[in-house]
Amino acid sequence: MSSTIFHLIILLMAMVMVSPTVNSETLPTYTVDIGSNLTDALTVHCQSNIGDDIGTRVLQYAGHYSWKFGVTVDQPRIFSCYLSFGNSRGAFDAFIYGRDFDRCKNNLCQWCVNRRGVYINIMEGWKIEYVWKYGALNED
């Protein structure tokens, strides 16, 4: 083997050994579903902490807006949604990995919006998480 080829092989081996490794272990796929029990049209706009803009949807009564996504160990996701109907406006976190990874049934984070607030369907059943107060959304 020539000296040049030998040095090239050594150089390549050294590059592989010092390359940073990225922990991109994939966690389960999750689904977020937002439903409306409002008689008014509900506008929903959601996006993630890493720049995923899920888009804007206008939901009528009994309408749903849902999406699926994967989560990795090195970059857990947070999805925040802005809601508006009539004179009411507010934002809530539809998915936070550290909060929701084990409370959403079968990796489904199911939300329902009505005139009282925003409910989540957790293992124990439907629970109000955010309350409409004076046209704004507040944590319960």
C-alpha atoms as a PDB file:
ATOM      1  CA  MET A   1       0.000   0.000   0.000  1.00  0.00           C
ATOM      2  CA  SER A   2       1.390   3.385  -0.898  1.00  0.00           C
ATOM      3  CA  SER A   3       2.202   5.907   1.788  1.00  0.00           C
ATOM      4  CA  THR A   4      -0.354   8.395   0.403  1.00  0.00           C
ATOM      5  CA  ILE A   5      -3.236   5.907   0.572  1.00  0.00           C
ATOM      6  CA  PHE A   6      -2.181   4.816   4.070  1.00  0.00           C
ATOM      7  CA  HIS A   7      -2.187   8.441   5.307  1.00  0.00           C
ATOM      8  CA  LEU A   8      -5.551   9.059   3.671  1.00  0.00           C
ATOM      9  CA  ILE A   9      -7.046   6.049   5.468  1.00  0.00           C
ATOM     10  CA  ILE A  10      -5.600   7.215   8.815  1.00  0.00           C
ATOM     11  CA  LEU A  11      -6.975  10.725   8.213  1.00  0.00           C
ATOM     12  CA  LEU A  12     -10.463   9.389   7.403  1.00  0.00           C
ATOM     13  CA  MET A  13     -10.461   7.159  10.494  1.00  0.00           C
ATOM     14  CA  ALA A  14      -9.474  10.125  12.665  1.00  0.00           C
ATOM     15  CA  MET A  15     -12.281  12.242  11.193  1.00  0.00           C
ATOM     16  CA  VAL A  16     -14.858   9.546  11.945  1.00  0.00           C
ATOM     17  CA  MET A  17     -13.623   9.122  15.518  1.00  0.00           C
ATOM     18  CA  VAL A  18     -13.861  12.853  16.367  1.00  0.00           C
ATOM     19  CA  SER A  19     -17.143  13.533  14.583  1.00  0.00           C
ATOM     20  CA  PRO A  20     -19.802  14.746  17.004  1.00  0.00           C
ATOM     21  CA  THR A  21     -22.659  12.351  17.459  1.00  0.00           C
ATOM     22  CA  VAL A  22     -26.202  13.624  17.503  1.00  0.00           C
ATOM     23  CA  ASN A  23     -28.725  11.905  19.693  1.00  0.00           C
ATOM     24  CA  SER A  24     -31.728  11.828  17.410  1.00  0.00           C
ATOM     25  CA  GLU A  25     -33.444   8.843  18.981  1.00  0.00           C
ATOM     26  CA  THR A  26     -37.033   9.056  17.810  1.00  0.00           C
ATOM     27  CA  LEU A  27     -39.722   8.983  20.446  1.00  0.00           C
ATOM     28  CA  PRO A  28     -43.320   7.985  19.684  1.00  0.00           C
ATOM     29  CA  THR A  29     -45.389   9.930  17.156  1.00  0.00           C
ATOM     30  CA  TYR A  30     -47.992  12.221  18.705  1.00  0.00           C
ATOM     31  CA  THR A  31     -51.237  13.667  17.400  1.00  0.00           C
ATOM     32  CA  VAL A  32     -52.776  16.933  18.544  1.00  0.00           C
ATOM     33  CA  ASP A  33     -56.497  17.353  17.857  1.00  0.00           C
ATOM     34  CA  ILE A  34     -58.409  20.555  18.601  1.00  0.00           C
ATOM     35  CA  GLY A  35     -62.206  20.477  18.399  1.00  0.00           C
ATOM     36  CA  SER A  36     -64.758  23.258  18.641  1.00  0.00           C
ATOM     37  CA  ASN A  37     -68.013  23.227  20.612  1.00  0.00           C
ATOM     38  CA  LEU A  38     -68.636  26.881  19.782  1.00  0.00           C
ATOM     39  CA  THR A  39     -71.535  28.132  17.696  1.00  0.00           C
ATOM     40  CA  ASP A  40     -69.241  30.979  16.518  1.00  0.00           C
ATOM     41  CA  ALA A  41     -66.455  30.267  14.047  1.00  0.00           C
ATOM     42  CA  LEU A  42     -63.203  29.480  15.899  1.00  0.00           C
ATOM     43  CA  THR A  43     -59.939  30.540  14.261  1.00  0.00           C
ATOM     44  CA  VAL A  44     -56.955  28.401  15.266  1.00  0.00           C
ATOM     45  CA  HIS A  45     -53.327  29.044  14.307  1.00  0.00           C
ATOM     46  CA  CYS A  46     -50.604  26.704  15.641  1.00  0.00           C
ATOM     47  CA  GLN A  47     -46.827  26.566  15.395  1.00  0.00           C
ATOM     48  CA  SER A  48     -43.934  24.826  17.124  1.00  0.00           C
ATOM     49  CA  ASN A  49     -40.880  26.011  19.009  1.00  0.00           C
ATOM     50  CA  ILE A  50     -38.670  24.897  16.104  1.00  0.00           C
ATOM     51  CA  GLY A  51     -40.473  26.834  13.394  1.00  0.00           C
ATOM     52  CA  ASP A  52     -43.125  24.381  12.183  1.00  0.00           C
ATOM     53  CA  ASP A  53     -46.084  26.544  11.190  1.00  0.00           C
ATOM     54  CA  ILE A  54     -49.063  24.208  11.114  1.00  0.00           C
ATOM     55  CA  GLY A  55     -51.213  26.944   9.621  1.00  0.00           C
ATOM     56  CA  THR A  56     -54.528  28.607  10.309  1.00  0.00           C
ATOM     57  CA  ARG A  57     -57.895  26.851  10.266  1.00  0.00           C
ATOM     58  CA  VAL A  58     -61.386  28.180  10.844  1.00  0.00           C
ATOM     59  CA  LEU A  59     -63.528  25.637  12.677  1.00  0.00           C
ATOM     60  CA  GLN A  60     -67.294  25.604  12.730  1.00  0.00           C
ATOM     61  CA  TYR A  61     -69.292  23.840  15.463  1.00  0.00           C
ATOM     62  CA  ALA A  62     -68.009  20.242  15.896  1.00  0.00           C
ATOM     63  CA  GLY A  63     -65.086  20.933  13.540  1.00  0.00           C
ATOM     64  CA  HIS A  64     -61.605  19.529  14.215  1.00  0.00           C
ATOM     65  CA  TYR A  65     -58.041  20.544  13.443  1.00  0.00           C
ATOM     66  CA  SER A  66     -55.354  17.898  13.903  1.00  0.00           C
ATOM     67  CA  TRP A  67     -51.774  17.067  12.961  1.00  0.00           C
ATOM     68  CA  LYS A  68     -49.162  14.390  13.657  1.00  0.00           C
ATOM     69  CA  PHE A  69     -45.515  14.881  14.458  1.00  0.00           C
ATOM     70  CA  GLY A  70     -42.487  13.059  15.761  1.00  0.00           C
ATOM     71  CA  VAL A  71     -40.397  14.021  18.755  1.00  0.00           C
ATOM     72  CA  THR A  72     -36.684  13.351  19.201  1.00  0.00           C
ATOM     73  CA  VAL A  73     -34.676  13.256  22.405  1.00  0.00           C
ATOM     74  CA  ASP A  74     -32.430  16.114  21.310  1.00  0.00           C
ATOM     75  CA  GLN A  75     -35.280  18.401  20.263  1.00  0.00           C
ATOM     76  CA  PRO A  76     -38.562  17.897  22.111  1.00  0.00           C
ATOM     77  CA  ARG A  77     -41.443  19.834  20.631  1.00  0.00           C
ATOM     78  CA  ILE A  78     -43.761  22.488  21.990  1.00  0.00           C
ATOM     79  CA  PHE A  79     -46.813  23.483  19.955  1.00  0.00           C
ATOM     80  CA  SER A  80     -48.593  26.720  20.820  1.00  0.00           C
ATOM     81  CA  CYS A  81     -51.933  27.754  19.362  1.00  0.00           C
ATOM     82  CA  TYR A  82     -53.613  31.117  19.056  1.00  0.00           C
ATOM     83  CA  LEU A  83     -57.428  31.017  19.277  1.00  0.00           C
ATOM     84  CA  SER A  84     -60.033  33.642  18.451  1.00  0.00           C
ATOM     85  CA  PHE A  85     -63.810  33.802  18.184  1.00  0.00           C
ATOM     86  CA  GLY A  86     -66.130  36.786  18.540  1.00  0.00           C
ATOM     87  CA  ASN A  87     -64.356  39.246  20.863  1.00  0.00           C
ATOM     88  CA  SER A  88     -62.313  36.525  22.614  1.00  0.00           C
ATOM     89  CA  ARG A  89     -58.635  35.899  21.909  1.00  0.00           C
ATOM     90  CA  GLY A  90     -55.911  33.884  23.559  1.00  0.00           C
ATOM     91  CA  ALA A  91     -53.078  31.412  23.208  1.00  0.00           C
ATOM     92  CA  PHE A  92     -52.378  28.063  24.823  1.00  0.00           C
ATOM     93  CA  ASP A  93     -49.781  25.332  24.629  1.00  0.00           C
ATOM     94  CA  ALA A  94     -51.392  22.384  22.831  1.00  0.00           C
ATOM     95  CA  PHE A  95     -48.343  20.155  23.371  1.00  0.00           C
ATOM     96  CA  ILE A  96     -45.331  20.369  25.645  1.00  0.00           C
ATOM     97  CA  TYR A  97     -43.341  17.158  25.632  1.00  0.00           C
ATOM     98  CA  GLY A  98     -42.375  17.276  29.325  1.00  0.00           C
ATOM     99  CA  ARG A  99     -45.978  17.930  30.348  1.00  0.00           C
ATOM    100  CA  ASP A 100     -47.876  15.780  27.867  1.00  0.00           C
ATOM    101  CA  PHE A 101     -45.744  12.738  27.004  1.00  0.00           C
ATOM    102  CA  ASP A 102     -47.542  10.541  29.523  1.00  0.00           C
ATOM    103  CA  ARG A 103     -50.889  12.272  30.094  1.00  0.00           C
ATOM    104  CA  CYS A 104     -52.226  12.162  26.538  1.00  0.00           C
ATOM    105  CA  LYS A 105     -54.160   8.948  25.890  1.00  0.00           C
ATOM    106  CA  ASN A 106     -52.408   6.724  23.329  1.00  0.00           C
ATOM    107  CA  ASN A 107     -50.186   9.667  22.260  1.00  0.00           C
ATOM    108  CA  LEU A 108     -53.295  11.685  21.312  1.00  0.00           C
ATOM    109  CA  CYS A 109     -53.546  15.153  22.861  1.00  0.00           C
ATOM    110  CA  GLN A 110     -57.204  15.918  22.379  1.00  0.00           C
ATOM    111  CA  TRP A 111     -58.488  19.429  23.118  1.00  0.00           C
ATOM    112  CA  CYS A 112     -61.977  20.924  23.013  1.00  0.00           C
ATOM    113  CA  VAL A 113     -62.817  24.640  23.005  1.00  0.00           C
ATOM    114  CA  ASN A 114     -66.123  25.987  24.314  1.00  0.00           C
ATOM    115  CA  ARG A 115     -67.405  29.272  25.803  1.00  0.00           C
ATOM    116  CA  ARG A 116     -66.049  28.378  29.258  1.00  0.00           C
ATOM    117  CA  GLY A 117     -62.526  27.475  28.155  1.00  0.00           C
ATOM    118  CA  VAL A 118     -60.199  24.876  26.665  1.00  0.00           C
ATOM    119  CA  TYR A 119     -60.422  21.277  27.899  1.00  0.00           C
ATOM    120  CA  ILE A 120     -57.976  18.410  27.501  1.00  0.00           C
ATOM    121  CA  ASN A 121     -58.872  14.729  27.455  1.00  0.00           C
ATOM    122  CA  ILE A 122     -56.355  13.147  29.842  1.00  0.00           C
ATOM    123  CA  MET A 123     -56.247   9.680  31.369  1.00  0.00           C
ATOM    124  CA  GLU A 124     -58.801  10.666  34.040  1.00  0.00           C
ATOM    125  CA  GLY A 125     -61.224  12.213  31.500  1.00  0.00           C
ATOM    126  CA  TRP A 126     -61.944  15.764  30.293  1.00  0.00           C
ATOM    127  CA  LYS A 127     -60.342  18.508  32.410  1.00  0.00           C
ATOM    128  CA  ILE A 128     -60.495  22.258  31.948  1.00  0.00           C
ATOM    129  CA  GLU A 129     -56.982  23.585  31.421  1.00  0.00           C
ATOM    130  CA  TYR A 130     -57.566  27.195  30.292  1.00  0.00           C
ATOM    131  CA  VAL A 131     -60.505  29.513  31.111  1.00  0.00           C
ATOM    132  CA  TRP A 132     -61.895  32.417  29.105  1.00  0.00           C
ATOM    133  CA  LYS A 133     -61.991  35.516  31.355  1.00  0.00           C
ATOM    134  CA  TYR A 134     -63.000  38.898  29.971  1.00  0.00           C
ATOM    135  CA  GLY A 135     -62.249  37.795  26.432  1.00  0.00           C
ATOM    136  CA  ALA A 136     -58.764  36.431  27.237  1.00  0.00           C
ATOM    137  CA  LEU A 137     -57.526  32.884  27.800  1.00  0.00           C
ATOM    138  CA  ASN A 138     -56.005  32.125  31.224  1.00  0.00           C
ATOM    139  CA  GLU A 139     -54.631  28.962  32.817  1.00  0.00           C
ATOM    140  CA  ASP A 140     -57.130  27.416  35.209  1.00  0.00           C
END
